[in-house]
């Protein structure tokens, strides 16, 4: 069975306090017109919920696939690097 076929079967639970804090942070970013920061927060929220909070479900889905974990880790690092670059290249007001 391919990894893409397994994805619709996975159920991930997110606690309400994490969702509320995410909505509050994104609202503040939009209120202060920090769209790059809001986008970075969204990506990092997805990786936080996807890996750190639901690690057991993710590892059961991948079933020890080294390639799957490598792709997930590399994607996370790329997002962090792009967020740092966007923070440093933000236009000054």
N, C-alpha and C. Protein backbone atom coordinates (compact mmCIF):
# COMPACT_ATOMS: atom_id res chain seq x y z
N UNK A 1 0.85 -1.18 0.00
CA UNK A 1 0.00 0.00 0.00
C UNK A 1 0.90 1.24 0.00
N UNK A 2 0.57 2.17 -0.84
CA UNK A 2 1.35 3.39 -0.99
C UNK A 2 1.00 4.37 0.13
N UNK A 3 1.95 5.24 0.48
CA UNK A 3 1.74 6.22 1.54
C UNK A 3 0.58 7.15 1.23
N UNK A 4 0.40 7.51 -0.02
CA UNK A 4 -0.68 8.41 -0.41
C UNK A 4 -2.05 7.75 -0.19
N UNK A 5 -2.12 6.45 -0.34
CA UNK A 5 -3.39 5.74 -0.11
C UNK A 5 -3.76 5.70 1.36
N UNK A 6 -2.77 5.80 2.25
CA UNK A 6 -3.01 5.71 3.69
C UNK A 6 -3.50 7.04 4.25
N UNK A 7 -3.12 8.16 3.66
CA UNK A 7 -3.41 9.48 4.22
C UNK A 7 -4.88 9.75 4.51
N UNK A 8 -5.84 9.38 3.66
CA UNK A 8 -7.24 9.65 4.01
C UNK A 8 -7.74 8.87 5.22
N UNK A 9 -7.08 7.79 5.58
CA UNK A 9 -7.53 6.96 6.69
C UNK A 9 -7.02 7.46 8.04
N UNK A 10 -6.09 8.40 8.06
CA UNK A 10 -5.50 8.87 9.30
C UNK A 10 -6.38 9.95 9.93
N UNK A 11 -6.67 9.80 11.21
CA UNK A 11 -7.43 10.79 11.95
C UNK A 11 -6.50 11.45 12.95
N UNK A 12 -6.41 12.78 12.88
CA UNK A 12 -5.52 13.52 13.77
C UNK A 12 -6.38 14.44 14.63
N UNK A 13 -6.23 14.30 15.94
CA UNK A 13 -6.97 15.14 16.87
C UNK A 13 -6.13 16.31 17.32
N UNK A 14 -6.71 17.49 17.31
CA UNK A 14 -6.02 18.70 17.74
C UNK A 14 -6.79 19.28 18.92
N UNK A 15 -6.10 19.50 20.05
CA UNK A 15 -6.79 20.07 21.21
C UNK A 15 -7.27 21.50 20.93
N UNK A 16 -8.34 21.87 21.59
CA UNK A 16 -8.96 23.17 21.37
C UNK A 16 -8.05 24.33 21.76
N UNK A 17 -7.26 24.17 22.84
CA UNK A 17 -6.39 25.27 23.25
C UNK A 17 -5.30 25.55 22.22
N UNK A 18 -4.85 24.56 21.49
CA UNK A 18 -3.87 24.78 20.44
C UNK A 18 -4.51 25.51 19.27
N UNK A 19 -5.72 25.13 18.91
CA UNK A 19 -6.42 25.80 17.81
C UNK A 19 -6.72 27.26 18.17
N UNK A 20 -7.15 27.51 19.42
CA UNK A 20 -7.44 28.87 19.85
C UNK A 20 -6.18 29.72 19.83
N UNK A 21 -5.06 29.17 20.32
CA UNK A 21 -3.81 29.94 20.31
C UNK A 21 -3.34 30.20 18.88
N UNK A 22 -3.54 29.24 17.98
CA UNK A 22 -3.18 29.43 16.58
C UNK A 22 -4.02 30.55 15.96
N UNK A 23 -5.32 30.53 16.18
CA UNK A 23 -6.19 31.57 15.63
C UNK A 23 -5.83 32.93 16.21
N UNK A 24 -5.49 33.00 17.49
CA UNK A 24 -5.11 34.28 18.10
C UNK A 24 -3.82 34.82 17.49
N UNK A 25 -2.83 33.96 17.31
CA UNK A 25 -1.55 34.40 16.72
C UNK A 25 -1.73 34.84 15.28
N UNK A 26 -2.49 34.08 14.50
CA UNK A 26 -2.73 34.45 13.11
C UNK A 26 -3.52 35.77 13.03
N UNK A 27 -4.48 35.96 13.93
CA UNK A 27 -5.26 37.20 13.93
C UNK A 27 -4.37 38.40 14.24
N UNK A 28 -3.45 38.25 15.17
CA UNK A 28 -2.51 39.33 15.49
C UNK A 28 -1.61 39.62 14.30
N UNK A 29 -1.13 38.57 13.63
CA UNK A 29 -0.29 38.76 12.44
C UNK A 29 -1.03 39.52 11.35
N UNK A 30 -2.26 39.17 11.12
CA UNK A 30 -3.05 39.85 10.08
C UNK A 30 -3.38 41.27 10.51
N UNK A 31 -3.67 41.48 11.79
CA UNK A 31 -4.00 42.80 12.30
C UNK A 31 -2.84 43.78 12.11
N UNK A 32 -1.61 43.29 12.33
CA UNK A 32 -0.43 44.13 12.19
C UNK A 32 0.24 44.00 10.82
N UNK A 33 -0.48 43.41 9.87
CA UNK A 33 -0.05 43.27 8.47
C UNK A 33 1.31 42.60 8.37
N UNK A 34 1.49 41.54 9.13
CA UNK A 34 2.71 40.73 9.07
C UNK A 34 2.35 39.41 8.39
N UNK A 35 2.09 39.47 7.09
CA UNK A 35 1.61 38.31 6.35
C UNK A 35 2.66 37.22 6.25
N UNK A 36 3.93 37.60 6.10
CA UNK A 36 4.99 36.60 6.04
C UNK A 36 5.08 35.84 7.36
N UNK A 37 4.98 36.57 8.46
CA UNK A 37 5.02 35.92 9.76
C UNK A 37 3.82 35.01 9.94
N UNK A 38 2.66 35.45 9.49
CA UNK A 38 1.46 34.61 9.58
C UNK A 38 1.58 33.34 8.78
N UNK A 39 2.18 33.43 7.60
CA UNK A 39 2.39 32.24 6.79
C UNK A 39 3.38 31.28 7.45
N UNK A 40 4.44 31.82 8.01
CA UNK A 40 5.42 30.99 8.71
C UNK A 40 4.79 30.32 9.93
N UNK A 41 3.95 31.06 10.66
CA UNK A 41 3.26 30.49 11.82
C UNK A 41 2.34 29.35 11.38
N UNK A 42 1.66 29.53 10.26
CA UNK A 42 0.77 28.48 9.76
C UNK A 42 1.54 27.21 9.42
N UNK A 43 2.65 27.36 8.73
CA UNK A 43 3.46 26.19 8.39
C UNK A 43 4.00 25.50 9.64
N UNK A 44 4.51 26.28 10.56
CA UNK A 44 5.06 25.69 11.78
C UNK A 44 3.98 25.06 12.65
N UNK A 45 2.78 25.62 12.64
CA UNK A 45 1.67 25.02 13.38
C UNK A 45 1.34 23.64 12.81
N UNK A 46 1.31 23.54 11.50
CA UNK A 46 1.01 22.25 10.86
C UNK A 46 2.08 21.22 11.21
N UNK A 47 3.34 21.62 11.18
CA UNK A 47 4.39 20.68 11.53
C UNK A 47 4.38 20.34 13.01
N UNK A 48 4.03 21.29 13.87
CA UNK A 48 3.95 21.00 15.30
C UNK A 48 2.85 19.99 15.58
N UNK A 49 1.67 20.25 15.06
CA UNK A 49 0.55 19.34 15.29
C UNK A 49 0.80 18.01 14.60
N UNK A 50 1.34 18.07 13.41
CA UNK A 50 1.56 16.85 12.64
C UNK A 50 2.60 15.93 13.21
N UNK A 51 3.63 16.47 13.81
CA UNK A 51 4.70 15.59 14.29
C UNK A 51 4.78 15.51 15.81
N UNK A 52 4.98 16.62 16.45
CA UNK A 52 5.22 16.57 17.88
C UNK A 52 4.01 16.11 18.68
N UNK A 53 2.83 16.59 18.30
CA UNK A 53 1.66 16.25 19.08
C UNK A 53 1.07 14.88 18.71
N UNK A 54 1.15 14.52 17.43
CA UNK A 54 0.59 13.25 16.96
C UNK A 54 1.68 12.33 16.42
N UNK A 55 2.80 12.27 17.12
CA UNK A 55 3.95 11.49 16.68
C UNK A 55 3.62 10.00 16.52
N UNK A 56 2.88 9.42 17.45
CA UNK A 56 2.57 7.99 17.39
C UNK A 56 1.75 7.63 16.15
N UNK A 57 0.75 8.45 15.85
CA UNK A 57 -0.08 8.19 14.67
C UNK A 57 0.74 8.31 13.40
N UNK A 58 1.61 9.32 13.35
CA UNK A 58 2.44 9.53 12.17
C UNK A 58 3.42 8.37 11.98
N UNK A 59 4.05 7.93 13.06
CA UNK A 59 5.01 6.83 12.95
C UNK A 59 4.33 5.52 12.58
N UNK A 60 3.11 5.30 13.07
CA UNK A 60 2.37 4.10 12.67
C UNK A 60 1.99 4.15 11.20
N UNK A 61 1.67 5.35 10.70
CA UNK A 61 1.30 5.51 9.30
C UNK A 61 2.49 5.27 8.39
N UNK A 62 3.62 5.83 8.75
CA UNK A 62 4.82 5.67 7.93
C UNK A 62 5.39 4.26 8.08
N UNK A 63 5.17 3.63 9.23
CA UNK A 63 5.62 2.27 9.53
C UNK A 63 7.12 2.10 9.35
N UNK A 64 7.88 3.00 9.95
CA UNK A 64 9.32 2.89 9.94
C UNK A 64 9.97 3.23 8.61
N UNK A 65 9.26 3.85 7.72
CA UNK A 65 9.82 4.22 6.43
C UNK A 65 10.85 5.32 6.62
N UNK A 66 12.09 5.00 6.33
CA UNK A 66 13.15 5.99 6.45
C UNK A 66 12.96 7.11 5.45
N UNK A 67 12.54 6.79 4.26
CA UNK A 67 12.33 7.81 3.23
C UNK A 67 11.22 8.77 3.64
N UNK A 68 10.13 8.27 4.18
CA UNK A 68 9.02 9.12 4.61
C UNK A 68 9.45 10.08 5.71
N UNK A 69 10.19 9.58 6.70
CA UNK A 69 10.65 10.44 7.79
C UNK A 69 11.68 11.44 7.30
N UNK A 70 12.52 11.04 6.37
CA UNK A 70 13.53 11.94 5.81
C UNK A 70 12.86 13.08 5.04
N UNK A 71 11.86 12.76 4.24
CA UNK A 71 11.13 13.78 3.49
C UNK A 71 10.42 14.73 4.45
N UNK A 72 9.80 14.21 5.50
CA UNK A 72 9.10 15.04 6.49
C UNK A 72 10.08 15.98 7.19
N UNK A 73 11.23 15.46 7.61
CA UNK A 73 12.22 16.27 8.31
C UNK A 73 12.82 17.34 7.41
N UNK A 74 13.17 16.97 6.19
CA UNK A 74 13.74 17.94 5.25
C UNK A 74 12.73 19.04 4.94
N UNK A 75 11.46 18.68 4.78
CA UNK A 75 10.43 19.69 4.53
C UNK A 75 10.33 20.67 5.70
N UNK A 76 10.39 20.18 6.91
CA UNK A 76 10.35 21.04 8.09
C UNK A 76 11.53 22.00 8.14
N UNK A 77 12.72 21.49 7.85
CA UNK A 77 13.90 22.35 7.85
C UNK A 77 13.83 23.40 6.74
N UNK A 78 13.33 23.03 5.59
CA UNK A 78 13.18 24.00 4.49
C UNK A 78 12.22 25.11 4.89
N UNK A 79 11.12 24.77 5.54
CA UNK A 79 10.16 25.78 5.97
C UNK A 79 10.78 26.71 7.01
N UNK A 80 11.55 26.17 7.94
CA UNK A 80 12.20 27.00 8.95
C UNK A 80 13.22 27.94 8.29
N UNK A 81 14.00 27.43 7.35
CA UNK A 81 14.98 28.27 6.64
C UNK A 81 14.28 29.36 5.85
N UNK A 82 13.20 29.02 5.15
CA UNK A 82 12.46 30.04 4.40
C UNK A 82 11.84 31.08 5.32
N UNK A 83 11.38 30.68 6.49
CA UNK A 83 10.82 31.64 7.45
C UNK A 83 11.90 32.59 7.93
N UNK A 84 13.08 32.08 8.22
CA UNK A 84 14.18 32.94 8.67
C UNK A 84 14.57 33.91 7.57
N UNK A 85 14.66 33.44 6.34
CA UNK A 85 15.00 34.31 5.22
C UNK A 85 13.93 35.39 5.03
N UNK A 86 12.66 35.02 5.16
CA UNK A 86 11.60 36.02 4.99
C UNK A 86 11.61 37.05 6.11
N UNK A 87 11.97 36.64 7.33
CA UNK A 87 12.06 37.61 8.42
C UNK A 87 13.19 38.60 8.17
N UNK A 88 14.30 38.11 7.66
CA UNK A 88 15.46 38.98 7.44
C UNK A 88 15.28 39.88 6.22
N UNK A 89 14.47 39.45 5.26
CA UNK A 89 14.29 40.25 4.05
C UNK A 89 13.01 41.07 4.05
N UNK A 90 12.34 41.14 5.19
CA UNK A 90 11.09 41.92 5.26
C UNK A 90 11.39 43.39 5.02
N UNK A 91 10.54 44.07 4.25
CA UNK A 91 10.79 45.49 3.99
C UNK A 91 10.64 46.32 5.27
N UNK A 92 11.51 47.29 5.41
CA UNK A 92 11.47 48.17 6.57
C UNK A 92 10.49 49.32 6.31
N UNK A 93 9.74 49.70 7.33
CA UNK A 93 8.77 50.80 7.19
C UNK A 93 9.35 52.09 7.66
